[in-house]
């Protein structure tokens, strides 16, 4: 839950500087995993050609296998104007959640 909260706390609205730094955060988090410490070439930050980046990460099984799992994701964040009075806390999951219940 902490990692998810940390991701939500980055106000990476499409077209902002935070959108450009979010892949750095993802790479930083994955780099802490032992597999990527041993296989850093399997973790890459790739340019999209417009100043943004996407992350690719490959985890290979030690033994040969015919089975493969591919997970694909992307991230884009819409503006928070629709949050109205809650927009100031849109990137603060704990506070926003408590506001829902109060």
C-alpha atoms as a PDB file:
ATOM      1  CA  UNK A   1       0.000   0.000   0.000  1.00  0.00           C
ATOM      2  CA  UNK A   2       2.903   2.349   0.736  1.00  0.00           C
ATOM      3  CA  UNK A   3       4.289   1.991  -2.786  1.00  0.00           C
ATOM      4  CA  UNK A   4       0.874   2.637  -4.325  1.00  0.00           C
ATOM      5  CA  UNK A   5       0.411   5.692  -2.111  1.00  0.00           C
ATOM      6  CA  UNK A   6       3.846   6.967  -3.117  1.00  0.00           C
ATOM      7  CA  UNK A   7       2.922   6.613  -6.787  1.00  0.00           C
ATOM      8  CA  UNK A   8      -0.379   8.446  -6.285  1.00  0.00           C
ATOM      9  CA  UNK A   9       1.411  11.268  -4.445  1.00  0.00           C
ATOM     10  CA  UNK A  10       3.329  12.178  -7.612  1.00  0.00           C
ATOM     11  CA  UNK A  11       1.102  14.735  -9.390  1.00  0.00           C
ATOM     12  CA  UNK A  12       2.006  13.359 -12.814  1.00  0.00           C
ATOM     13  CA  UNK A  13      -0.758  15.048 -14.783  1.00  0.00           C
ATOM     14  CA  UNK A  14      -0.259  14.589 -18.516  1.00  0.00           C
ATOM     15  CA  UNK A  15       1.941  17.320 -19.949  1.00  0.00           C
ATOM     16  CA  UNK A  16       3.578  18.308 -16.655  1.00  0.00           C
ATOM     17  CA  UNK A  17       7.155  17.943 -15.419  1.00  0.00           C
ATOM     18  CA  UNK A  18       5.943  15.382 -12.864  1.00  0.00           C
ATOM     19  CA  UNK A  19       4.814  13.143 -15.720  1.00  0.00           C
ATOM     20  CA  UNK A  20       8.390  13.173 -16.982  1.00  0.00           C
ATOM     21  CA  UNK A  21       9.864  12.224 -13.585  1.00  0.00           C
ATOM     22  CA  UNK A  22       7.392   9.441 -12.760  1.00  0.00           C
ATOM     23  CA  UNK A  23       9.321   6.856 -14.820  1.00  0.00           C
ATOM     24  CA  UNK A  24      12.425   7.729 -12.773  1.00  0.00           C
ATOM     25  CA  UNK A  25      10.512   6.863  -9.616  1.00  0.00           C
ATOM     26  CA  UNK A  26       9.324   3.560 -11.103  1.00  0.00           C
ATOM     27  CA  UNK A  27      12.871   2.656 -12.168  1.00  0.00           C
ATOM     28  CA  UNK A  28      14.187   3.628  -8.731  1.00  0.00           C
ATOM     29  CA  UNK A  29      11.656   1.376  -6.995  1.00  0.00           C
ATOM     30  CA  UNK A  30      12.306  -1.587  -9.290  1.00  0.00           C
ATOM     31  CA  UNK A  31      16.079  -1.096  -9.012  1.00  0.00           C
ATOM     32  CA  UNK A  32      15.812  -1.877  -5.312  1.00  0.00           C
ATOM     33  CA  UNK A  33      14.636  -5.416  -6.094  1.00  0.00           C
ATOM     34  CA  UNK A  34      17.380  -8.034  -5.907  1.00  0.00           C
ATOM     35  CA  UNK A  35      16.615  -9.378  -9.392  1.00  0.00           C
ATOM     36  CA  UNK A  36      17.275  -6.002 -11.012  1.00  0.00           C
ATOM     37  CA  UNK A  37      20.380  -5.471  -8.898  1.00  0.00           C
ATOM     38  CA  UNK A  38      21.688  -8.680 -10.469  1.00  0.00           C
ATOM     39  CA  UNK A  39      20.241  -7.933 -13.932  1.00  0.00           C
ATOM     40  CA  UNK A  40      20.219  -4.145 -14.344  1.00  0.00           C
ATOM     41  CA  UNK A  41      20.144  -4.462 -18.142  1.00  0.00           C
ATOM     42  CA  UNK A  42      16.637  -5.943 -17.840  1.00  0.00           C
ATOM     43  CA  UNK A  43      15.306  -2.617 -16.539  1.00  0.00           C
ATOM     44  CA  UNK A  44      15.195   0.323 -18.923  1.00  0.00           C
ATOM     45  CA  UNK A  45      13.764   3.803 -19.215  1.00  0.00           C
ATOM     46  CA  UNK A  46      12.925   4.437 -22.867  1.00  0.00           C
ATOM     47  CA  UNK A  47      12.151   7.748 -24.601  1.00  0.00           C
ATOM     48  CA  UNK A  48       8.809   8.157 -26.345  1.00  0.00           C
ATOM     49  CA  UNK A  49      10.196  10.848 -28.658  1.00  0.00           C
ATOM     50  CA  UNK A  50       8.229  13.715 -27.164  1.00  0.00           C
ATOM     51  CA  UNK A  51      10.209  14.307 -23.975  1.00  0.00           C
ATOM     52  CA  UNK A  52       8.433  11.615 -21.997  1.00  0.00           C
ATOM     53  CA  UNK A  53       9.543   8.096 -21.106  1.00  0.00           C
ATOM     54  CA  UNK A  54       8.181   4.610 -20.535  1.00  0.00           C
ATOM     55  CA  UNK A  55       9.670   1.807 -18.476  1.00  0.00           C
ATOM     56  CA  UNK A  56      10.371  -1.753 -19.558  1.00  0.00           C
ATOM     57  CA  UNK A  57      11.301  -4.488 -17.113  1.00  0.00           C
ATOM     58  CA  UNK A  58      12.049  -8.107 -17.933  1.00  0.00           C
ATOM     59  CA  UNK A  59      12.203 -10.886 -15.364  1.00  0.00           C
ATOM     60  CA  UNK A  60      13.517 -14.135 -16.794  1.00  0.00           C
ATOM     61  CA  UNK A  61      13.024 -17.492 -15.186  1.00  0.00           C
ATOM     62  CA  UNK A  62      16.264 -19.345 -14.550  1.00  0.00           C
ATOM     63  CA  UNK A  63      15.049 -22.491 -16.322  1.00  0.00           C
ATOM     64  CA  UNK A  64      13.855 -22.627 -19.910  1.00  0.00           C
ATOM     65  CA  UNK A  65      10.074 -22.561 -20.265  1.00  0.00           C
ATOM     66  CA  UNK A  66       7.464 -22.326 -22.996  1.00  0.00           C
ATOM     67  CA  UNK A  67       5.183 -20.283 -20.757  1.00  0.00           C
ATOM     68  CA  UNK A  68       5.510 -16.507 -20.742  1.00  0.00           C
ATOM     69  CA  UNK A  69       3.672 -13.833 -18.813  1.00  0.00           C
ATOM     70  CA  UNK A  70       3.679 -10.315 -20.226  1.00  0.00           C
ATOM     71  CA  UNK A  71       2.350  -7.413 -18.196  1.00  0.00           C
ATOM     72  CA  UNK A  72       1.766  -4.148 -20.022  1.00  0.00           C
ATOM     73  CA  UNK A  73       0.889  -0.897 -18.373  1.00  0.00           C
ATOM     74  CA  UNK A  74       0.899   2.799 -19.029  1.00  0.00           C
ATOM     75  CA  UNK A  75       0.363   5.823 -16.913  1.00  0.00           C
ATOM     76  CA  UNK A  76      -1.345   9.060 -17.639  1.00  0.00           C
ATOM     77  CA  UNK A  77      -3.126  11.251 -15.172  1.00  0.00           C
ATOM     78  CA  UNK A  78      -6.011  13.540 -16.012  1.00  0.00           C
ATOM     79  CA  UNK A  79      -6.341  16.977 -14.476  1.00  0.00           C
ATOM     80  CA  UNK A  80      -7.875  17.112 -10.999  1.00  0.00           C
ATOM     81  CA  UNK A  81     -10.233  20.046 -11.632  1.00  0.00           C
ATOM     82  CA  UNK A  82     -13.213  17.672 -11.416  1.00  0.00           C
ATOM     83  CA  UNK A  83     -12.336  17.052  -7.761  1.00  0.00           C
ATOM     84  CA  UNK A  84     -13.703  20.497  -6.926  1.00  0.00           C
ATOM     85  CA  UNK A  85     -13.027  21.363  -3.290  1.00  0.00           C
ATOM     86  CA  UNK A  86     -11.012  18.146  -2.924  1.00  0.00           C
ATOM     87  CA  UNK A  87      -8.554  18.947  -5.734  1.00  0.00           C
ATOM     88  CA  UNK A  88      -5.934  20.290  -3.302  1.00  0.00           C
ATOM     89  CA  UNK A  89      -5.742  16.809  -1.777  1.00  0.00           C
ATOM     90  CA  UNK A  90      -6.123  14.767  -4.970  1.00  0.00           C
ATOM     91  CA  UNK A  91      -2.555  13.481  -4.630  1.00  0.00           C
ATOM     92  CA  UNK A  92      -2.733  12.810  -0.905  1.00  0.00           C
ATOM     93  CA  UNK A  93      -4.434   9.396  -0.675  1.00  0.00           C
ATOM     94  CA  UNK A  94      -4.587   9.212   3.114  1.00  0.00           C
ATOM     95  CA  UNK A  95      -6.103  12.656   3.536  1.00  0.00           C
ATOM     96  CA  UNK A  96      -8.455  12.229   0.587  1.00  0.00           C
ATOM     97  CA  UNK A  97      -9.691   8.896   1.934  1.00  0.00           C
ATOM     98  CA  UNK A  98     -10.324  10.408   5.349  1.00  0.00           C
ATOM     99  CA  UNK A  99     -12.274  13.237   3.687  1.00  0.00           C
ATOM    100  CA  UNK A 100     -14.517  10.665   1.979  1.00  0.00           C
ATOM    101  CA  UNK A 101     -15.433   9.185   5.342  1.00  0.00           C
ATOM    102  CA  UNK A 102     -15.913  12.423   7.268  1.00  0.00           C
END
